[in-house]
Amino acid sequence: MTKSISIKIASNCFIFLILSLVGFYVFQVGSLTRERCLIKSYKGNILGLSENNKSLSIDFSKASSLSNIDGHLSSNNFVKPGSINYIEVLSGSIVVRNQ
């Protein structure tokens, strides 16, 4: 009688152990799958941010070069014109350059 009770207890413990291991395995596979999906989405975010960074870098270099133009022009004695006068050439006129 004690032998059959100990066999029942051992078989119940074995079944509980098997079910626990199967449950733990399912939990690990789910966790691994979730982490892989997160890694894939993070890689996509990193690629998007890298492209955005390149675009911002190009925009920054353009902006910094445009701000340097003003300093370059003033250092080379360029001045802004006050007014611009145009010469209107009529269709029947001939223009000659003096040499």
PDB file of N, CA and C in Angstrom:
ATOM      1  N   MET A   1       0.820  -1.181   0.000  1.00  0.00           N
ATOM      2  CA  MET A   1       0.000   0.000   0.000  1.00  0.00           C
ATOM      3  C   MET A   1       0.872   1.255   0.000  1.00  0.00           C
ATOM      4  N   THR A   2       1.911   1.255   0.799  1.00  0.00           N
ATOM      5  CA  THR A   2       2.798   2.411   0.834  1.00  0.00           C
ATOM      6  C   THR A   2       3.573   2.537  -0.470  1.00  0.00           C
ATOM      7  N   LYS A   3       3.817   1.388  -1.122  1.00  0.00           N
ATOM      8  CA  LYS A   3       4.536   1.406  -2.369  1.00  0.00           C
ATOM      9  C   LYS A   3       3.689   2.057  -3.468  1.00  0.00           C
ATOM     10  N   SER A   4       2.394   1.767  -3.489  1.00  0.00           N
ATOM     11  CA  SER A   4       1.515   2.350  -4.500  1.00  0.00           C
ATOM     12  C   SER A   4       1.320   3.843  -4.246  1.00  0.00           C
ATOM     13  N   ILE A   5       1.328   4.261  -2.965  1.00  0.00           N
ATOM     14  CA  ILE A   5       1.208   5.690  -2.639  1.00  0.00           C
ATOM     15  C   ILE A   5       2.464   6.418  -3.069  1.00  0.00           C
ATOM     16  N   SER A   6       3.627   5.843  -2.813  1.00  0.00           N
ATOM     17  CA  SER A   6       4.870   6.490  -3.204  1.00  0.00           C
ATOM     18  C   SER A   6       4.999   6.546  -4.744  1.00  0.00           C
ATOM     19  N   ILE A   7       4.480   5.543  -5.449  1.00  0.00           N
ATOM     20  CA  ILE A   7       4.494   5.564  -6.911  1.00  0.00           C
ATOM     21  C   ILE A   7       3.570   6.668  -7.422  1.00  0.00           C
ATOM     22  N   LYS A   8       2.391   6.842  -6.784  1.00  0.00           N
ATOM     23  CA  LYS A   8       1.466   7.895  -7.187  1.00  0.00           C
ATOM     24  C   LYS A   8       2.079   9.274  -6.944  1.00  0.00           C
ATOM     25  N   ILE A   9       2.739   9.425  -5.794  1.00  0.00           N
ATOM     26  CA  ILE A   9       3.379  10.703  -5.477  1.00  0.00           C
ATOM     27  C   ILE A   9       4.508  10.979  -6.469  1.00  0.00           C
ATOM     28  N   ALA A  10       5.306   9.972  -6.771  1.00  0.00           N
ATOM     29  CA  ALA A  10       6.414  10.137  -7.714  1.00  0.00           C
ATOM     30  C   ALA A  10       5.883  10.448  -9.113  1.00  0.00           C
ATOM     31  N   SER A  11       4.827   9.766  -9.539  1.00  0.00           N
ATOM     32  CA  SER A  11       4.276  10.028 -10.871  1.00  0.00           C
ATOM     33  C   SER A  11       3.637  11.421 -10.928  1.00  0.00           C
ATOM     34  N   ASN A  12       2.971  11.840  -9.845  1.00  0.00           N
ATOM     35  CA  ASN A  12       2.406  13.187  -9.798  1.00  0.00           C
ATOM     36  C   ASN A  12       3.516  14.247  -9.847  1.00  0.00           C
ATOM     37  N   CYS A  13       4.600  14.007  -9.121  1.00  0.00           N
ATOM     38  CA  CYS A  13       5.745  14.936  -9.146  1.00  0.00           C
ATOM     39  C   CYS A  13       6.367  14.973 -10.536  1.00  0.00           C
ATOM     40  N   PHE A  14       6.470  13.811 -11.184  1.00  0.00           N
ATOM     41  CA  PHE A  14       7.041  13.755 -12.527  1.00  0.00           C
ATOM     42  C   PHE A  14       6.157  14.517 -13.525  1.00  0.00           C
ATOM     43  N   ILE A  15       4.849  14.312 -13.440  1.00  0.00           N
ATOM     44  CA  ILE A  15       3.914  15.016 -14.325  1.00  0.00           C
ATOM     45  C   ILE A  15       3.979  16.522 -14.065  1.00  0.00           C
ATOM     46  N   PHE A  16       4.020  16.919 -12.798  1.00  0.00           N
ATOM     47  CA  PHE A  16       4.121  18.340 -12.449  1.00  0.00           C
ATOM     48  C   PHE A  16       5.426  18.932 -12.999  1.00  0.00           C
ATOM     49  N   LEU A  17       6.518  18.188 -12.893  1.00  0.00           N
ATOM     50  CA  LEU A  17       7.808  18.653 -13.407  1.00  0.00           C
ATOM     51  C   LEU A  17       7.760  18.811 -14.927  1.00  0.00           C
ATOM     52  N   ILE A  18       7.183  17.852 -15.628  1.00  0.00           N
ATOM     53  CA  ILE A  18       7.076  17.914 -17.081  1.00  0.00           C
ATOM     54  C   ILE A  18       6.216  19.111 -17.492  1.00  0.00           C
ATOM     55  N   LEU A  19       5.079  19.308 -16.848  1.00  0.00           N
ATOM     56  CA  LEU A  19       4.206  20.432 -17.175  1.00  0.00           C
ATOM     57  C   LEU A  19       4.888  21.767 -16.864  1.00  0.00           C
ATOM     58  N   SER A  20       5.633  21.810 -15.773  1.00  0.00           N
ATOM     59  CA  SER A  20       6.355  23.033 -15.429  1.00  0.00           C
ATOM     60  C   SER A  20       7.421  23.346 -16.471  1.00  0.00           C
ATOM     61  N   LEU A  21       8.160  22.346 -16.907  1.00  0.00           N
ATOM     62  CA  LEU A  21       9.194  22.548 -17.921  1.00  0.00           C
ATOM     63  C   LEU A  21       8.584  22.960 -19.264  1.00  0.00           C
ATOM     64  N   VAL A  22       7.457  22.370 -19.638  1.00  0.00           N
ATOM     65  CA  VAL A  22       6.788  22.749 -20.888  1.00  0.00           C
ATOM     66  C   VAL A  22       6.303  24.202 -20.797  1.00  0.00           C
ATOM     67  N   GLY A  23       5.719  24.568 -19.664  1.00  0.00           N
ATOM     68  CA  GLY A  23       5.266  25.950 -19.475  1.00  0.00           C
ATOM     69  C   GLY A  23       6.428  26.933 -19.528  1.00  0.00           C
ATOM     70  N   PHE A  24       7.539  26.587 -18.892  1.00  0.00           N
ATOM     71  CA  PHE A  24       8.713  27.447 -18.909  1.00  0.00           C
ATOM     72  C   PHE A  24       9.268  27.578 -20.326  1.00  0.00           C
ATOM     73  N   TYR A  25       9.246  26.482 -21.098  1.00  0.00           N
ATOM     74  CA  TYR A  25       9.722  26.495 -22.479  1.00  0.00           C
ATOM     75  C   TYR A  25       8.855  27.423 -23.335  1.00  0.00           C
ATOM     76  N   VAL A  26       7.543  27.320 -23.172  1.00  0.00           N
ATOM     77  CA  VAL A  26       6.627  28.175 -23.931  1.00  0.00           C
ATOM     78  C   VAL A  26       6.867  29.643 -23.570  1.00  0.00           C
ATOM     79  N   PHE A  27       7.064  29.919 -22.288  1.00  0.00           N
ATOM     80  CA  PHE A  27       7.345  31.285 -21.841  1.00  0.00           C
ATOM     81  C   PHE A  27       8.641  31.809 -22.466  1.00  0.00           C
ATOM     82  N   GLN A  28       9.681  30.986 -22.501  1.00  0.00           N
ATOM     83  CA  GLN A  28      10.958  31.406 -23.083  1.00  0.00           C
ATOM     84  C   GLN A  28      10.842  31.647 -24.580  1.00  0.00           C
ATOM     85  N   VAL A  29      10.128  30.806 -25.296  1.00  0.00           N
ATOM     86  CA  VAL A  29       9.960  30.984 -26.741  1.00  0.00           C
ATOM     87  C   VAL A  29       9.182  32.266 -27.018  1.00  0.00           C
ATOM     88  N   GLY A  30       8.149  32.536 -26.247  1.00  0.00           N
ATOM     89  CA  GLY A  30       7.386  33.779 -26.407  1.00  0.00           C
ATOM     90  C   GLY A  30       8.238  34.998 -26.121  1.00  0.00           C
ATOM     91  N   SER A  31       9.031  34.917 -25.077  1.00  0.00           N
ATOM     92  CA  SER A  31       9.914  36.027 -24.727  1.00  0.00           C
ATOM     93  C   SER A  31      10.962  36.254 -25.808  1.00  0.00           C
ATOM     94  N   LEU A  32      11.527  35.189 -26.331  1.00  0.00           N
ATOM     95  CA  LEU A  32      12.526  35.295 -27.393  1.00  0.00           C
ATOM     96  C   LEU A  32      11.926  35.893 -28.662  1.00  0.00           C
ATOM     97  N   THR A  33      10.728  35.479 -29.014  1.00  0.00           N
ATOM     98  CA  THR A  33      10.047  36.015 -30.190  1.00  0.00           C
ATOM     99  C   THR A  33       9.756  37.497 -30.015  1.00  0.00           C
ATOM    100  N   ARG A  34       9.289  37.881 -28.851  1.00  0.00           N
ATOM    101  CA  ARG A  34       8.996  39.288 -28.565  1.00  0.00           C
ATOM    102  C   ARG A  34      10.260  40.129 -28.663  1.00  0.00           C
ATOM    103  N   GLU A  35      11.365  39.634 -28.133  1.00  0.00           N
ATOM    104  CA  GLU A  35      12.631  40.375 -28.187  1.00  0.00           C
ATOM    105  C   GLU A  35      13.141  40.503 -29.617  1.00  0.00           C
ATOM    106  N   ARG A  36      12.968  39.471 -30.425  1.00  0.00           N
ATOM    107  CA  ARG A  36      13.395  39.561 -31.828  1.00  0.00           C
ATOM    108  C   ARG A  36      12.578  40.603 -32.577  1.00  0.00           C
ATOM    109  N   CYS A  37      11.284  40.653 -32.303  1.00  0.00           N
ATOM    110  CA  CYS A  37      10.442  41.670 -32.949  1.00  0.00           C
ATOM    111  C   CYS A  37      10.869  43.070 -32.515  1.00  0.00           C
ATOM    112  N   LEU A  38      11.187  43.231 -31.247  1.00  0.00           N
ATOM    113  CA  LEU A  38      11.654  44.531 -30.760  1.00  0.00           C
ATOM    114  C   LEU A  38      12.978  44.920 -31.412  1.00  0.00           C
ATOM    115  N   ILE A  39      13.882  43.965 -31.538  1.00  0.00           N
ATOM    116  CA  ILE A  39      15.177  44.244 -32.164  1.00  0.00           C
ATOM    117  C   ILE A  39      14.972  44.658 -33.619  1.00  0.00           C
ATOM    118  N   LYS A  40      14.057  43.997 -34.324  1.00  0.00           N
ATOM    119  CA  LYS A  40      13.785  44.340 -35.713  1.00  0.00           C
ATOM    120  C   LYS A  40      13.214  45.750 -35.816  1.00  0.00           C
ATOM    121  N   SER A  41      12.299  46.097 -34.920  1.00  0.00           N
ATOM    122  CA  SER A  41      11.726  47.446 -34.974  1.00  0.00           C
ATOM    123  C   SER A  41      12.775  48.489 -34.580  1.00  0.00           C
ATOM    124  N   TYR A  42      13.646  48.166 -33.632  1.00  0.00           N
ATOM    125  CA  TYR A  42      14.709  49.099 -33.247  1.00  0.00           C
ATOM    126  C   TYR A  42      15.690  49.313 -34.396  1.00  0.00           C
ATOM    127  N   LYS A  43      15.990  48.248 -35.151  1.00  0.00           N
ATOM    128  CA  LYS A  43      16.878  48.399 -36.309  1.00  0.00           C
ATOM    129  C   LYS A  43      16.246  49.328 -37.339  1.00  0.00           C
ATOM    130  N   GLY A  44      14.935  49.175 -37.546  1.00  0.00           N
ATOM    131  CA  GLY A  44      14.237  50.069 -38.466  1.00  0.00           C
ATOM    132  C   GLY A  44      14.282  51.510 -37.984  1.00  0.00           C
ATOM    133  N   ASN A  45      14.098  51.710 -36.676  1.00  0.00           N
ATOM    134  CA  ASN A  45      14.177  53.058 -36.116  1.00  0.00           C
ATOM    135  C   ASN A  45      15.581  53.633 -36.263  1.00  0.00           C
ATOM    136  N   ILE A  46      16.584  52.808 -36.055  1.00  0.00           N
ATOM    137  CA  ILE A  46      17.969  53.272 -36.171  1.00  0.00           C
ATOM    138  C   ILE A  46      18.270  53.677 -37.610  1.00  0.00           C
ATOM    139  N   LEU A  47      17.799  52.894 -38.583  1.00  0.00           N
ATOM    140  CA  LEU A  47      18.018  53.249 -39.989  1.00  0.00           C
ATOM    141  C   LEU A  47      17.322  54.561 -40.335  1.00  0.00           C
ATOM    142  N   GLY A  48      16.098  54.730 -39.842  1.00  0.00           N
ATOM    143  CA  GLY A  48      15.380  55.979 -40.092  1.00  0.00           C
ATOM    144  C   GLY A  48      16.081  57.169 -39.470  1.00  0.00           C
ATOM    145  N   LEU A  49      16.567  56.989 -38.249  1.00  0.00           N
ATOM    146  CA  LEU A  49      17.279  58.078 -37.580  1.00  0.00           C
ATOM    147  C   LEU A  49      18.609  58.375 -38.263  1.00  0.00           C
ATOM    148  N   SER A  50      19.269  57.351 -38.781  1.00  0.00           N
ATOM    149  CA  SER A  50      20.533  57.568 -39.505  1.00  0.00           C
ATOM    150  C   SER A  50      20.298  58.385 -40.772  1.00  0.00           C
ATOM    151  N   GLU A  51      19.232  58.060 -41.505  1.00  0.00           N
ATOM    152  CA  GLU A  51      18.915  58.836 -42.704  1.00  0.00           C
ATOM    153  C   GLU A  51      18.555  60.275 -42.337  1.00  0.00           C
ATOM    154  N   ASN A  52      17.794  60.431 -41.263  1.00  0.00           N
ATOM    155  CA  ASN A  52      17.427  61.771 -40.798  1.00  0.00           C
ATOM    156  C   ASN A  52      18.674  62.543 -40.373  1.00  0.00           C
ATOM    157  N   ASN A  53      19.618  61.855 -39.745  1.00  0.00           N
ATOM    158  CA  ASN A  53      20.858  62.491 -39.312  1.00  0.00           C
ATOM    159  C   ASN A  53      21.667  62.962 -40.515  1.00  0.00           C
ATOM    160  N   LYS A  54      21.734  62.147 -41.565  1.00  0.00           N
ATOM    161  CA  LYS A  54      22.458  62.549 -42.775  1.00  0.00           C
ATOM    162  C   LYS A  54      21.815  63.794 -43.386  1.00  0.00           C
ATOM    163  N   SER A  55      20.496  63.788 -43.434  1.00  0.00           N
ATOM    164  CA  SER A  55      19.782  64.939 -43.996  1.00  0.00           C
ATOM    165  C   SER A  55      20.032  66.190 -43.168  1.00  0.00           C
ATOM    166  N   LEU A  56      19.979  66.053 -41.859  1.00  0.00           N
ATOM    167  CA  LEU A  56      20.232  67.200 -40.988  1.00  0.00           C
ATOM    168  C   LEU A  56      21.679  67.674 -41.095  1.00  0.00           C
ATOM    169  N   SER A  57      22.605  66.755 -41.270  1.00  0.00           N
ATOM    170  CA  SER A  57      24.009  67.123 -41.428  1.00  0.00           C
ATOM    171  C   SER A  57      24.218  67.926 -42.704  1.00  0.00           C
ATOM    172  N   ILE A  58      23.576  67.502 -43.775  1.00  0.00           N
ATOM    173  CA  ILE A  58      23.683  68.241 -45.039  1.00  0.00           C
ATOM    174  C   ILE A  58      23.056  69.623 -44.891  1.00  0.00           C
ATOM    175  N   ASP A  59      21.883  69.694 -44.255  1.00  0.00           N
ATOM    176  CA  ASP A  59      21.235  70.989 -44.039  1.00  0.00           C
ATOM    177  C   ASP A  59      22.089  71.899 -43.175  1.00  0.00           C
ATOM    178  N   PHE A  60      22.733  71.338 -42.169  1.00  0.00           N
ATOM    179  CA  PHE A  60      23.578  72.144 -41.285  1.00  0.00           C
ATOM    180  C   PHE A  60      24.788  72.681 -42.040  1.00  0.00           C
ATOM    181  N   SER A  61      25.389  71.845 -42.893  1.00  0.00           N
ATOM    182  CA  SER A  61      26.551  72.318 -43.649  1.00  0.00           C
ATOM    183  C   SER A  61      26.142  73.405 -44.634  1.00  0.00           C
ATOM    184  N   LYS A  62      24.958  73.279 -45.237  1.00  0.00           N
ATOM    185  CA  LYS A  62      24.477  74.331 -46.130  1.00  0.00           C
ATOM    186  C   LYS A  62      24.243  75.622 -45.362  1.00  0.00           C
ATOM    187  N   ALA A  63      23.625  75.504 -44.182  1.00  0.00           N
ATOM    188  CA  ALA A  63      23.332  76.701 -43.392  1.00  0.00           C
ATOM    189  C   ALA A  63      24.613  77.365 -42.907  1.00  0.00           C
ATOM    190  N   SER A  64      25.576  76.566 -42.496  1.00  0.00           N
ATOM    191  CA  SER A  64      26.819  77.166 -42.002  1.00  0.00           C
ATOM    192  C   SER A  64      27.604  77.799 -43.145  1.00  0.00           C
ATOM    193  N   SER A  65      27.545  77.221 -44.341  1.00  0.00           N
ATOM    194  CA  SER A  65      28.262  77.822 -45.464  1.00  0.00           C
ATOM    195  C   SER A  65      27.584  79.118 -45.890  1.00  0.00           C
ATOM    196  N   LEU A  66      26.255  79.188 -45.806  1.00  0.00           N
ATOM    197  CA  LEU A  66      25.560  80.426 -46.147  1.00  0.00           C
ATOM    198  C   LEU A  66      25.856  81.528 -45.139  1.00  0.00           C
ATOM    199  N   SER A  67      26.029  81.174 -43.884  1.00  0.00           N
ATOM    200  CA  SER A  67      26.357  82.199 -42.897  1.00  0.00           C
ATOM    201  C   SER A  67      27.794  82.685 -43.061  1.00  0.00           C
ATOM    202  N   ASN A  68      28.654  81.862 -43.608  1.00  0.00           N
ATOM    203  CA  ASN A  68      30.041  82.262 -43.846  1.00  0.00           C
ATOM    204  C   ASN A  68      30.178  83.164 -45.070  1.00  0.00           C
ATOM    205  N   ILE A  69      29.196  83.102 -45.968  1.00  0.00           N
ATOM    206  CA  ILE A  69      29.274  83.920 -47.183  1.00  0.00           C
ATOM    207  C   ILE A  69      29.264  85.399 -46.832  1.00  0.00           C
ATOM    208  N   ASP A  70      28.445  85.801 -45.886  1.00  0.00           N
ATOM    209  CA  ASP A  70      28.361  87.209 -45.508  1.00  0.00           C
ATOM    210  C   ASP A  70      29.711  87.712 -44.995  1.00  0.00           C
ATOM    211  N   GLY A  71      30.366  86.943 -44.152  1.00  0.00           N
ATOM    212  CA  GLY A  71      31.693  87.325 -43.651  1.00  0.00           C
ATOM    213  C   GLY A  71      32.724  87.350 -44.756  1.00  0.00           C
ATOM    214  N   HIS A  72      32.656  86.405 -45.664  1.00  0.00           N
ATOM    215  CA  HIS A  72      33.600  86.350 -46.785  1.00  0.00           C
ATOM    216  C   HIS A  72      33.423  87.550 -47.708  1.00  0.00           C
ATOM    217  N   LEU A  73      32.171  87.908 -47.984  1.00  0.00           N
ATOM    218  CA  LEU A  73      31.925  89.053 -48.870  1.00  0.00           C
ATOM    219  C   LEU A  73      32.380  90.360 -48.243  1.00  0.00           C
ATOM    220  N   SER A  74      32.159  90.532 -46.960  1.00  0.00           N
ATOM    221  CA  SER A  74      32.576  91.775 -46.311  1.00  0.00           C
ATOM    222  C   SER A  74      34.095  91.862 -46.174  1.00  0.00           C
ATOM    223  N   SER A  75      34.777  90.736 -46.037  1.00  0.00           N
ATOM    224  CA  SER A  75      36.240  90.762 -45.921  1.00  0.00           C
ATOM    225  C   SER A  75      36.915  91.034 -47.263  1.00  0.00           C
ATOM    226  N   ASN A  76      36.227  90.765 -48.372  1.00  0.00           N
ATOM    227  CA  ASN A  76      36.786  91.020 -49.711  1.00  0.00           C
ATOM    228  C   ASN A  76      36.301  92.339 -50.298  1.00  0.00           C
ATOM    229  N   ASN A  77      35.815  93.234 -49.449  1.00  0.00           N
ATOM    230  CA  ASN A  77      35.385  94.580 -49.835  1.00  0.00           C
ATOM    231  C   ASN A  77      34.234  94.598 -50.840  1.00  0.00           C
ATOM    232  N   PHE A  78      33.362  93.634 -50.785  1.00  0.00           N
ATOM    233  CA  PHE A  78      32.144  93.681 -51.577  1.00  0.00           C
ATOM    234  C   PHE A  78      31.121  94.504 -50.807  1.00  0.00           C
ATOM    235  N   VAL A  79      30.327  95.269 -51.542  1.00  0.00           N
ATOM    236  CA  VAL A  79      29.280  96.067 -50.899  1.00  0.00           C
ATOM    237  C   VAL A  79      27.965  95.783 -51.601  1.00  0.00           C
ATOM    238  N   LYS A  80      26.857  95.994 -50.888  1.00  0.00           N
ATOM    239  CA  LYS A  80      25.544  95.815 -51.482  1.00  0.00           C
ATOM    240  C   LYS A  80      25.241  97.018 -52.368  1.00  0.00           C
ATOM    241  N   PRO A  81      24.674  96.790 -53.525  1.00  0.00           N
ATOM    242  CA  PRO A  81      24.340  97.919 -54.395  1.00  0.00           C
ATOM    243  C   PRO A  81      23.156  98.696 -53.830  1.00  0.00           C
ATOM    244  N   GLY A  82      23.223 100.002 -54.004  1.00  0.00           N
ATOM    245  CA  GLY A  82      22.134 100.838 -53.517  1.00  0.00           C
ATOM    246  C   GLY A  82      20.938 100.774 -54.441  1.00  0.00           C
ATOM    247  N   SER A  83      21.179 101.038 -55.714  1.00  0.00           N
ATOM    248  CA  SER A  83      20.097 100.957 -56.696  1.00  0.00           C
ATOM    249  C   SER A  83      20.682 100.421 -57.990  1.00  0.00           C
ATOM    250  N   ILE A  84      19.844  99.845 -58.784  1.00  0.00           N
ATOM    251  CA  ILE A  84      20.285  99.259 -60.046  1.00  0.00           C
ATOM    252  C   ILE A  84      19.578  99.997 -61.168  1.00  0.00           C
ATOM    253  N   ASN A  85      20.349 100.494 -62.116  1.00  0.00           N
ATOM    254  CA  ASN A  85      19.803 101.188 -63.282  1.00  0.00           C
ATOM    255  C   ASN A  85      20.022 100.315 -64.506  1.00  0.00           C
ATOM    256  N   TYR A  86      18.974 100.162 -65.289  1.00  0.00           N
ATOM    257  CA  TYR A  86      19.043  99.352 -66.489  1.00  0.00           C
ATOM    258  C   TYR A  86      19.029 100.263 -67.712  1.00  0.00           C
ATOM    259  N   ILE A  87      19.722  99.857 -68.750  1.00  0.00           N
ATOM    260  CA  ILE A  87      19.722 100.574 -70.017  1.00  0.00           C
ATOM    261  C   ILE A  87      18.802  99.816 -70.954  1.00  0.00           C
ATOM    262  N   GLU A  88      17.839 100.512 -71.478  1.00  0.00           N
ATOM    263  CA  GLU A  88      16.904  99.877 -72.394  1.00  0.00           C
ATOM    264  C   GLU A  88      17.392 100.097 -73.822  1.00  0.00           C
ATOM    265  N   VAL A  89      17.621  99.004 -74.510  1.00  0.00           N
ATOM    266  CA  VAL A  89      18.083  99.074 -75.890  1.00  0.00           C
ATOM    267  C   VAL A  89      16.871  98.848 -76.777  1.00  0.00           C
ATOM    268  N   LEU A  90      16.620  99.823 -77.657  1.00  0.00           N
ATOM    269  CA  LEU A  90      15.482  99.712 -78.566  1.00  0.00           C
ATOM    270  C   LEU A  90      15.798  98.718 -79.670  1.00  0.00           C
ATOM    271  N   SER A  91      14.808  98.210 -80.309  1.00  0.00           N
ATOM    272  CA  SER A  91      15.007  97.146 -81.302  1.00  0.00           C
ATOM    273  C   SER A  91      15.763  97.626 -82.536  1.00  0.00           C
ATOM    274  N   GLY A  92      15.676  98.875 -82.896  1.00  0.00           N
ATOM    275  CA  GLY A  92      16.369  99.372 -84.077  1.00  0.00           C
ATOM    276  C   GLY A  92      17.744  99.925 -83.777  1.00  0.00           C
ATOM    277  N   SER A  93      18.213  99.909 -82.549  1.00  0.00           N
ATOM    278  CA  SER A  93      19.477 100.511 -82.165  1.00  0.00           C
ATOM    279  C   SER A  93      20.609  99.501 -82.251  1.00  0.00           C
ATOM    280  N   ILE A  94      21.818 100.014 -82.428  1.00  0.00           N
ATOM    281  CA  ILE A  94      23.026  99.183 -82.448  1.00  0.00           C
ATOM    282  C   ILE A  94      23.910  99.684 -81.330  1.00  0.00           C
ATOM    283  N   VAL A  95      24.472  98.761 -80.564  1.00  0.00           N
ATOM    284  CA  VAL A  95      25.356  99.106 -79.462  1.00  0.00           C
ATOM    285  C   VAL A  95      26.775  98.756 -79.861  1.00  0.00           C
ATOM    286  N   VAL A  96      27.697  99.700 -79.651  1.00  0.00           N
ATOM    287  CA  VAL A  96      29.104  99.490 -79.993  1.00  0.00           C
ATOM    288  C   VAL A  96      29.919  99.659 -78.742  1.00  0.00           C
ATOM    289  N   ARG A  97      30.898  98.817 -78.592  1.00  0.00           N
ATOM    290  CA  ARG A  97      31.785  98.885 -77.419  1.00  0.00           C
ATOM    291  C   ARG A  97      33.017  99.684 -77.794  1.00  0.00           C
ATOM    292  N   ASN A  98      33.373 100.666 -76.957  1.00  0.00           N
ATOM    293  CA  ASN A  98      34.581 101.476 -77.207  1.00  0.00           C
ATOM    294  C   ASN A  98      35.816 100.738 -76.703  1.00  0.00           C
ATOM    295  N   GLN A  99      36.873 100.782 -77.556  1.00  0.00           N
ATOM    296  CA  GLN A  99      38.076 100.077 -77.137  1.00  0.00           C
ATOM    297  C   GLN A  99      39.234 101.002 -77.041  1.00  0.00           C
TER     298      GLN A  99
END
